[in-house]
């Protein structure tokens, strides 16, 4: 059994979060970044000729839990999801903006009890507030967007980033939009890095596996090794190796050889390989034979030899190379294809009035953008041939706000 097939069980999920202490690789990946707005990226993909099913749109996967984590804090926890909270207003505005773009959004939520102390910052509670999650999911359906919760039928705690990477590998989505690096570590090949705190889909950075290899000189195995060496241990809060040293070490090829061994060797063979691999790493740290490190790291070699005897942990590698997803152990894909529909303006008006308690003026203001999204979606549902041959009829979208 290969190491990447070693522990597809929920008991080891804590290992992933214990060792993943978040490391921001923005500077490391900067040479591979291409600045874009989401609208620009969608417009470049848009194909009006399409096929018999209609126009070709960009399919985009979003980490829904990341949206909520960026909005909720200790002061707003109890109100999250109610009309008094700012979270629902921001989420509503973002969904309205997406409805006007030439793309099919798809949202994935972290599974139940998925640990959230993995981004380098404290997150209140182990999951997002239940009411906020419920309201968010209701809004998605009314906006015509699909979603699912990352959850395996045997092992419920699912990771949204892993699920999104799997959706992309199955060609169900074109890109993953996320503020984190995790999707790249799970094998995503095209990621749009977003700053959720800005609340916009502008000033985004697009990374592809090809650009990362060509411009930053890094492959998947290199990124995994940097993560393994420079992550913060959640138990101690300490980082035992800096990212700079880890980046220098990958120049000796250790990340790529470890990756190849993990995906090709049987487990016993892999453990034999790792013993020699670890000795080679320590020897290079002590001697720097090719002068790629710039100096010698005797203390770091001692730490790996005496204190980090489990390095590299095969369970952590397995969690990244074969994470638990909806597909694991014969599980069924959550969707057959990704699409979207028109926003239901009447349902949105009722929701804002009855669920959120917004005023009439607020509802009317918010529905202006949603109406533009409804018009965009309506046009996208009509084939190009029909548009070219149909007579132009005056039409006005209408909705009523419950009193």
Protein backbone atom coordinates (compact mmCIF):
# COMPACT_ATOMS: atom_id res chain seq x y z
CA UNK A 1 0.00 0.00 0.00
CA UNK A 2 1.39 3.39 -0.99
CA UNK A 3 1.78 6.06 1.65
CA UNK A 4 -0.79 8.19 -0.18
CA UNK A 5 -3.29 5.40 0.53
CA UNK A 6 -2.16 4.79 4.08
CA UNK A 7 -4.60 6.53 6.41
CA UNK A 8 -7.90 7.42 4.72
CA UNK A 9 -9.53 7.53 8.16
CA UNK A 10 -11.01 10.29 10.26
CA UNK A 11 -8.83 9.56 13.33
CA UNK A 12 -5.86 11.16 11.59
CA UNK A 13 -7.61 14.39 10.66
CA UNK A 14 -6.21 16.00 13.80
CA UNK A 15 -2.70 15.44 12.43
CA UNK A 16 -3.42 17.60 9.43
CA UNK A 17 -4.50 20.52 11.57
CA UNK A 18 -1.82 20.00 14.19
CA UNK A 19 0.91 20.33 11.61
CA UNK A 20 -0.65 22.73 9.17
CA UNK A 21 -0.06 25.95 11.11
CA UNK A 22 -0.69 28.45 8.38
CA UNK A 23 2.26 29.80 6.40
CA UNK A 24 1.64 32.60 3.95
CA UNK A 25 3.43 31.78 0.69
CA UNK A 26 2.45 35.01 -1.07
CA UNK A 27 6.05 36.23 -1.43
CA UNK A 28 7.27 32.77 -2.37
CA UNK A 29 4.72 32.46 -5.19
CA UNK A 30 4.86 36.11 -6.28
CA UNK A 31 6.80 35.43 -9.52
CA UNK A 32 3.97 33.13 -10.67
CA UNK A 33 1.09 35.51 -9.83
CA UNK A 34 -1.00 37.14 -12.55
CA UNK A 35 -3.16 40.08 -11.43
CA UNK A 36 -6.82 39.78 -12.42
CA UNK A 37 -10.30 40.77 -11.42
CA UNK A 38 -12.77 37.91 -11.28
CA UNK A 39 -14.94 39.63 -13.88
CA UNK A 40 -11.97 39.90 -16.24
CA UNK A 41 -11.13 36.23 -15.80
CA UNK A 42 -14.75 35.26 -16.47
CA UNK A 43 -14.95 37.48 -19.56
CA UNK A 44 -11.83 35.87 -21.04
CA UNK A 45 -13.36 32.41 -20.64
CA UNK A 46 -16.80 33.38 -21.93
CA UNK A 47 -17.67 31.63 -25.20
CA UNK A 48 -20.96 32.90 -26.70
CA UNK A 49 -20.95 30.22 -29.41
CA UNK A 50 -21.11 27.52 -26.74
CA UNK A 51 -22.72 24.24 -27.77
CA UNK A 52 -26.13 22.67 -27.87
CA UNK A 53 -26.47 23.30 -24.14
CA UNK A 54 -25.78 27.03 -24.33
CA UNK A 55 -22.90 29.42 -23.76
CA UNK A 56 -19.61 28.39 -22.16
CA UNK A 57 -19.04 30.02 -18.77
CA UNK A 58 -16.19 29.89 -16.30
CA UNK A 59 -17.00 27.52 -13.41
CA UNK A 60 -15.64 28.81 -10.11
CA UNK A 61 -15.39 27.01 -6.78
CA UNK A 62 -15.59 29.11 -3.59
CA UNK A 63 -14.67 28.20 -0.03
CA UNK A 64 -17.90 29.29 1.67
CA UNK A 65 -16.52 28.72 5.15
CA UNK A 66 -13.64 31.09 4.41
CA UNK A 67 -16.20 33.82 3.70
CA UNK A 68 -17.76 33.35 7.12
CA UNK A 69 -14.45 33.06 8.98
CA UNK A 70 -13.34 36.39 7.55
CA UNK A 71 -16.53 38.09 8.77
CA UNK A 72 -17.25 36.65 12.19
CA UNK A 73 -15.45 37.73 15.35
CA UNK A 74 -16.02 37.31 19.06
CA UNK A 75 -18.24 40.39 19.19
CA UNK A 76 -20.55 39.38 16.36
CA UNK A 77 -20.71 35.63 17.08
CA UNK A 78 -24.12 35.63 18.78
CA UNK A 79 -25.71 37.88 16.16
CA UNK A 80 -24.20 36.21 13.10
CA UNK A 81 -26.93 35.30 10.63
CA UNK A 82 -29.51 37.72 12.00
CA UNK A 83 -30.68 40.97 10.48
CA UNK A 84 -28.64 42.88 13.08
CA UNK A 85 -25.35 41.41 11.89
CA UNK A 86 -23.20 42.84 9.13
CA UNK A 87 -22.32 39.37 7.81
CA UNK A 88 -25.56 38.78 5.94
CA UNK A 89 -25.44 42.17 4.27
CA UNK A 90 -21.88 41.56 3.02
CA UNK A 91 -22.70 38.03 1.84
CA UNK A 92 -25.81 39.34 0.04
CA UNK A 93 -23.76 42.01 -1.75
CA UNK A 94 -21.11 39.50 -2.81
CA UNK A 95 -23.68 37.08 -4.19
CA UNK A 96 -25.35 39.92 -6.08
CA UNK A 97 -22.00 40.82 -7.63
CA UNK A 98 -21.39 37.19 -8.65
CA UNK A 99 -24.84 36.93 -10.23
CA UNK A 100 -23.89 39.72 -12.66
CA UNK A 101 -20.68 38.00 -13.79
CA UNK A 102 -20.30 35.58 -16.69
CA UNK A 103 -19.59 32.55 -14.53
CA UNK A 104 -21.15 29.62 -12.68
CA UNK A 105 -20.27 29.87 -8.96
CA UNK A 106 -20.19 26.76 -6.77
CA UNK A 107 -19.75 26.82 -2.99
CA UNK A 108 -18.26 24.26 -0.61
CA UNK A 109 -18.63 24.42 3.17
CA UNK A 110 -16.29 22.79 5.68
CA UNK A 111 -17.74 19.64 7.20
CA UNK A 112 -19.15 19.53 10.75
CA UNK A 113 -16.59 19.94 13.55
CA UNK A 114 -13.84 20.70 11.07
CA UNK A 115 -11.04 22.34 13.15
CA UNK A 116 -10.49 26.00 12.29
CA UNK A 117 -7.24 26.79 14.13
CA UNK A 118 -5.29 26.23 10.94
CA UNK A 119 -4.95 29.64 9.31
CA UNK A 120 -2.45 31.23 11.65
CA UNK A 121 -5.16 33.10 13.54
CA UNK A 122 -7.71 32.24 16.19
CA UNK A 123 -11.20 31.53 14.96
CA UNK A 124 -14.05 31.61 17.44
CA UNK A 125 -15.38 28.10 17.92
CA UNK A 126 -14.67 25.00 15.87
CA UNK A 127 -17.18 25.87 13.14
CA UNK A 128 -19.10 28.88 11.89
CA UNK A 129 -22.29 29.94 13.71
CA UNK A 130 -25.07 27.55 12.72
CA UNK A 131 -27.57 30.28 11.99
CA UNK A 132 -25.12 32.06 9.69
CA UNK A 133 -24.40 28.80 7.84
CA UNK A 134 -28.13 28.14 7.44
CA UNK A 135 -28.90 31.66 6.22
CA UNK A 136 -25.94 31.59 3.83
CA UNK A 137 -27.09 28.30 2.30
CA UNK A 138 -30.66 29.59 1.94
CA UNK A 139 -29.39 32.69 0.16
CA UNK A 140 -27.29 30.60 -2.23
CA UNK A 141 -30.34 28.65 -3.38
CA UNK A 142 -32.38 31.83 -3.86
CA UNK A 143 -29.58 33.33 -5.91
CA UNK A 144 -29.57 30.19 -8.06
CA UNK A 145 -26.15 28.95 -6.90
CA UNK A 146 -25.43 25.37 -5.84
CA UNK A 147 -23.43 24.20 -2.84
CA UNK A 148 -22.55 21.19 -0.73
CA UNK A 149 -20.84 20.45 2.56
CA UNK A 150 -17.48 18.69 2.45
CA UNK A 151 -18.34 15.43 4.13
CA UNK A 152 -17.50 11.79 3.52
CA UNK A 153 -20.30 9.30 4.07
CA UNK A 154 -18.23 7.49 6.73
CA UNK A 155 -16.07 10.30 8.12
CA UNK A 156 -18.04 13.57 8.35
CA UNK A 157 -15.38 16.23 9.12
CA UNK A 158 -14.52 17.43 5.63
CA UNK A 159 -12.11 20.08 4.41
CA UNK A 160 -13.47 22.55 1.86
CA UNK A 161 -10.07 23.22 0.29
CA UNK A 162 -9.48 19.52 -0.35
CA UNK A 163 -12.97 19.13 -1.78
CA UNK A 164 -12.45 22.09 -4.13
CA UNK A 165 -9.14 20.68 -5.35
CA UNK A 166 -10.89 17.37 -6.05
CA UNK A 167 -13.71 19.13 -7.92
CA UNK A 168 -11.10 20.77 -10.10
CA UNK A 169 -9.21 17.54 -10.75
CA UNK A 170 -12.52 16.04 -11.94
CA UNK A 171 -12.97 19.06 -14.27
CA UNK A 172 -16.17 20.12 -12.54
CA UNK A 173 -14.75 23.57 -11.83
CA UNK A 174 -12.14 25.61 -13.71
CA UNK A 175 -10.64 27.58 -10.83
CA UNK A 176 -10.66 27.68 -7.03
CA UNK A 177 -11.17 31.07 -5.36
CA UNK A 178 -9.73 31.12 -1.85
CA UNK A 179 -7.73 33.36 0.49
CA UNK A 180 -5.55 30.39 1.51
CA UNK A 181 -2.67 28.36 0.07
CA UNK A 182 -4.19 25.03 1.06
CA UNK A 183 -5.81 24.27 -2.29
CA UNK A 184 -2.38 24.24 -3.94
CA UNK A 185 -1.11 21.80 -1.32
CA UNK A 186 -4.09 19.54 -2.04
CA UNK A 187 -3.16 19.52 -5.73
CA UNK A 188 -5.30 22.30 -7.23
CA UNK A 189 -3.83 23.40 -10.56
CA UNK A 190 -5.42 26.85 -10.91
CA UNK A 191 -6.14 29.03 -7.89
CA UNK A 192 -7.38 32.60 -7.57
CA UNK A 193 -6.09 34.15 -4.36
CA UNK A 194 -8.59 36.64 -2.96
CA UNK A 195 -8.53 39.11 -0.09
CA UNK A 196 -11.88 38.48 1.56
CA UNK A 197 -11.51 41.42 3.91
CA UNK A 198 -11.82 43.80 0.97
CA UNK A 199 -15.28 42.38 0.17
CA UNK A 200 -14.65 42.70 -3.58
CA UNK A 201 -13.58 40.44 -6.42
CA UNK A 202 -10.88 42.80 -7.58
CA UNK A 203 -7.10 42.89 -7.12
CA UNK A 204 -6.94 39.10 -7.20
CA UNK A 205 -3.94 36.95 -8.02
CA UNK A 206 -4.18 33.92 -10.31
CA UNK A 207 -1.75 31.03 -9.82
CA UNK A 208 -1.44 27.99 -12.06
CA UNK A 209 0.72 24.94 -11.48
CA UNK A 210 2.49 25.67 -14.79
CA UNK A 211 3.30 29.27 -13.80
CA UNK A 212 4.45 28.19 -10.33
CA UNK A 213 6.85 25.70 -11.89
CA UNK A 214 8.05 27.96 -14.71
CA UNK A 215 8.26 31.29 -12.84
CA UNK A 216 8.83 30.29 -9.20
CA UNK A 217 10.67 27.03 -9.90
CA UNK A 218 8.41 25.04 -7.56
CA UNK A 219 6.47 21.81 -8.00
CA UNK A 220 3.82 20.19 -5.81
CA UNK A 221 6.45 18.22 -3.88
CA UNK A 222 8.44 21.39 -3.20
CA UNK A 223 5.38 23.13 -1.74
CA UNK A 224 4.63 20.12 0.47
CA UNK A 225 8.17 20.05 1.85
CA UNK A 226 8.10 23.79 2.59
CA UNK A 227 4.79 23.31 4.40
CA UNK A 228 6.08 20.32 6.38
CA UNK A 229 9.20 22.16 7.52
CA UNK A 230 7.93 25.70 8.11
CA UNK A 231 4.45 25.20 9.52
CA UNK A 232 3.60 26.15 13.07
CA UNK A 233 2.87 23.29 15.46
CA UNK A 234 -0.55 24.11 16.96
CA UNK A 235 0.42 22.33 20.20
CA UNK A 236 3.50 24.45 20.88
CA UNK A 237 2.88 27.53 18.72
CA UNK A 238 6.45 27.24 17.47
CA UNK A 239 7.98 26.98 14.02
CA UNK A 240 11.06 24.76 14.12
CA UNK A 241 12.31 25.77 10.67
CA UNK A 242 11.97 29.06 8.82
CA UNK A 243 10.39 29.25 5.39
CA UNK A 244 13.61 30.70 3.96
CA UNK A 245 15.62 27.64 5.00
CA UNK A 246 12.90 25.31 3.73
CA UNK A 247 12.89 27.11 0.36
CA UNK A 248 16.66 26.80 0.11
CA UNK A 249 16.49 23.10 0.96
CA UNK A 250 14.05 22.31 -1.85
CA UNK A 251 16.76 23.42 -4.29
CA UNK A 252 18.49 20.14 -3.48
CA UNK A 253 15.45 18.28 -4.82
CA UNK A 254 14.29 16.77 -1.52
CA UNK A 255 10.67 17.80 -2.00
CA UNK A 256 10.37 16.17 -5.40
CA UNK A 257 12.02 12.91 -4.38
CA UNK A 258 9.81 12.68 -1.29
CA UNK A 259 6.69 13.32 -3.39
CA UNK A 260 7.59 10.67 -5.96
CA UNK A 261 8.32 8.13 -3.26
CA UNK A 262 5.01 8.85 -1.53
CA UNK A 263 2.92 8.26 -4.66
CA UNK A 264 4.84 5.29 -6.05
CA UNK A 265 6.33 3.18 -3.22
CA UNK A 266 4.62 0.63 -1.05
CA UNK A 267 4.46 1.66 2.60
CA UNK A 268 7.33 -0.53 3.85
CA UNK A 269 9.49 0.63 0.96
CA UNK A 270 8.54 4.22 1.64
CA UNK A 271 9.57 4.01 5.30
CA UNK A 272 12.92 2.56 4.25
CA UNK A 273 13.29 5.39 1.75
CA UNK A 274 12.40 8.02 4.36
CA UNK A 275 15.07 6.79 6.77
CA UNK A 276 17.78 7.38 4.17
CA UNK A 277 16.08 10.56 2.90
CA UNK A 278 16.07 12.07 6.40
CA UNK A 279 19.78 11.25 6.85
CA UNK A 280 20.52 12.89 3.50
CA UNK A 281 18.60 16.02 4.52
CA UNK A 282 20.56 16.26 7.76
CA UNK A 283 23.85 15.75 5.95
CA UNK A 284 23.06 18.54 3.49
CA UNK A 285 22.06 20.85 6.36
CA UNK A 286 25.38 20.14 8.08
CA UNK A 287 27.62 20.45 5.01
CA UNK A 288 25.78 22.37 2.23
CA UNK A 289 27.90 20.59 -0.41
CA UNK A 290 26.62 22.62 -3.39
CA UNK A 291 26.55 25.93 -1.49
CA UNK A 292 22.82 26.32 -2.14
CA UNK A 293 21.91 27.04 1.48
CA UNK A 294 24.43 29.84 1.96
CA UNK A 295 25.51 28.48 5.34
CA UNK A 296 25.46 25.31 7.44
CA UNK A 297 22.61 24.45 9.81
CA UNK A 298 24.03 22.07 12.42
CA UNK A 299 21.33 22.82 15.00
CA UNK A 300 18.49 22.23 12.55
CA UNK A 301 20.06 18.91 11.55
CA UNK A 302 20.23 17.96 15.24
CA UNK A 303 16.54 18.89 15.76
CA UNK A 304 15.46 16.65 12.87
CA UNK A 305 17.66 13.82 14.11
CA UNK A 306 16.79 13.98 17.80
CA UNK A 307 13.51 15.90 18.26
CA UNK A 308 11.60 15.56 14.98
CA UNK A 309 12.11 11.84 14.56
CA UNK A 310 8.64 11.54 12.99
CA UNK A 311 9.60 13.97 10.19
CA UNK A 312 8.23 13.70 7.57
CA UNK A 313 5.03 12.29 9.04
CA UNK A 314 3.50 9.88 6.47
CA UNK A 315 0.02 10.52 7.90
CA UNK A 316 0.30 14.22 7.08
CA UNK A 317 1.49 13.43 3.57
CA UNK A 318 -1.44 11.06 3.14
CA UNK A 319 -3.89 13.76 4.25
CA UNK A 320 -2.65 16.05 1.49
CA UNK A 321 -2.06 13.52 -1.28
CA UNK A 322 -5.24 11.53 -0.68
CA UNK A 323 -7.54 13.67 1.52
CA UNK A 324 -10.97 12.53 2.61
CA UNK A 325 -13.52 13.91 0.15
CA UNK A 326 -16.94 13.01 -1.17
CA UNK A 327 -15.18 10.68 -3.62
CA UNK A 328 -13.24 8.67 -1.03
CA UNK A 329 -13.89 4.94 -0.60
CA UNK A 330 -16.45 4.75 -3.36
CA UNK A 331 -18.34 7.88 -2.35
CA UNK A 332 -20.50 9.59 -4.95
CA UNK A 333 -19.58 12.98 -6.47
CA UNK A 334 -21.75 15.74 -5.01
CA UNK A 335 -22.67 17.05 -8.48
CA UNK A 336 -22.57 15.81 -12.06
CA UNK A 337 -21.93 19.30 -13.46
CA UNK A 338 -21.82 22.90 -12.25
CA UNK A 339 -24.40 25.41 -13.41
CA UNK A 340 -26.46 28.29 -12.02
CA UNK A 341 -29.93 29.78 -12.37
CA UNK A 342 -31.68 33.14 -12.16
CA UNK A 343 -32.00 34.72 -8.72
CA UNK A 344 -35.53 34.38 -7.37
CA UNK A 345 -36.30 38.01 -6.60
CA UNK A 346 -39.60 37.31 -4.87
CA UNK A 347 -37.99 34.76 -2.55
CA UNK A 348 -35.09 37.12 -1.84
CA UNK A 349 -37.51 39.92 -0.92
CA UNK A 350 -39.43 37.62 1.42
CA UNK A 351 -36.21 36.29 2.96
CA UNK A 352 -34.82 39.76 3.65
CA UNK A 353 -38.09 40.89 5.19
CA UNK A 354 -39.04 37.87 7.27
CA UNK A 355 -35.70 36.27 8.11
CA UNK A 356 -33.47 39.32 8.39
CA UNK A 357 -36.02 41.97 9.30
CA UNK A 358 -34.56 44.51 6.89
CA UNK A 359 -36.46 47.73 6.21
CA UNK A 360 -38.33 48.31 2.96
CA UNK A 361 -35.74 50.85 1.78
CA UNK A 362 -32.87 48.47 2.51
CA UNK A 363 -34.55 45.60 0.67
CA UNK A 364 -35.30 47.71 -2.38
CA UNK A 365 -31.72 48.97 -2.45
CA UNK A 366 -30.25 45.46 -2.24
CA UNK A 367 -32.62 44.05 -4.86
CA UNK A 368 -31.50 46.56 -7.49
CA UNK A 369 -28.19 44.67 -7.88
CA UNK A 370 -29.94 41.31 -7.61
CA UNK A 371 -32.30 42.38 -10.41
CA UNK A 372 -29.33 43.09 -12.66
CA UNK A 373 -28.06 39.61 -11.85
CA UNK A 374 -31.47 38.13 -12.71
CA UNK A 375 -31.39 39.86 -16.08
CA UNK A 376 -27.87 38.59 -16.77
CA UNK A 377 -28.81 35.02 -15.87
CA UNK A 378 -31.97 35.20 -17.98
CA UNK A 379 -29.96 36.20 -21.03
CA UNK A 380 -27.41 33.45 -20.40
CA UNK A 381 -30.15 30.85 -20.42
CA UNK A 382 -31.12 31.77 -23.97
CA UNK A 383 -29.03 30.34 -26.79
CA UNK A 384 -27.16 32.73 -29.05
CA UNK A 385 -29.17 31.64 -32.09
CA UNK A 386 -32.41 32.47 -30.32
CA UNK A 387 -31.10 35.88 -29.27
CA UNK A 388 -30.10 36.75 -32.84
CA UNK A 389 -33.47 35.76 -34.31
CA UNK A 390 -35.93 36.85 -31.66
CA UNK A 391 -37.78 40.19 -31.88
CA UNK A 392 -36.90 42.64 -29.15
CA UNK A 393 -39.71 42.95 -26.64
CA UNK A 394 -39.81 45.48 -23.82
CA UNK A 395 -39.49 43.65 -20.52
CA UNK A 396 -39.29 44.81 -16.96
CA UNK A 397 -38.25 42.66 -14.03
CA UNK A 398 -40.63 43.14 -11.16
CA UNK A 399 -40.79 42.05 -7.59
CA UNK A 400 -42.87 42.85 -4.57
CA UNK A 401 -41.63 43.42 -1.08
CA UNK A 402 -43.75 41.89 1.67
CA UNK A 403 -45.03 44.37 4.22
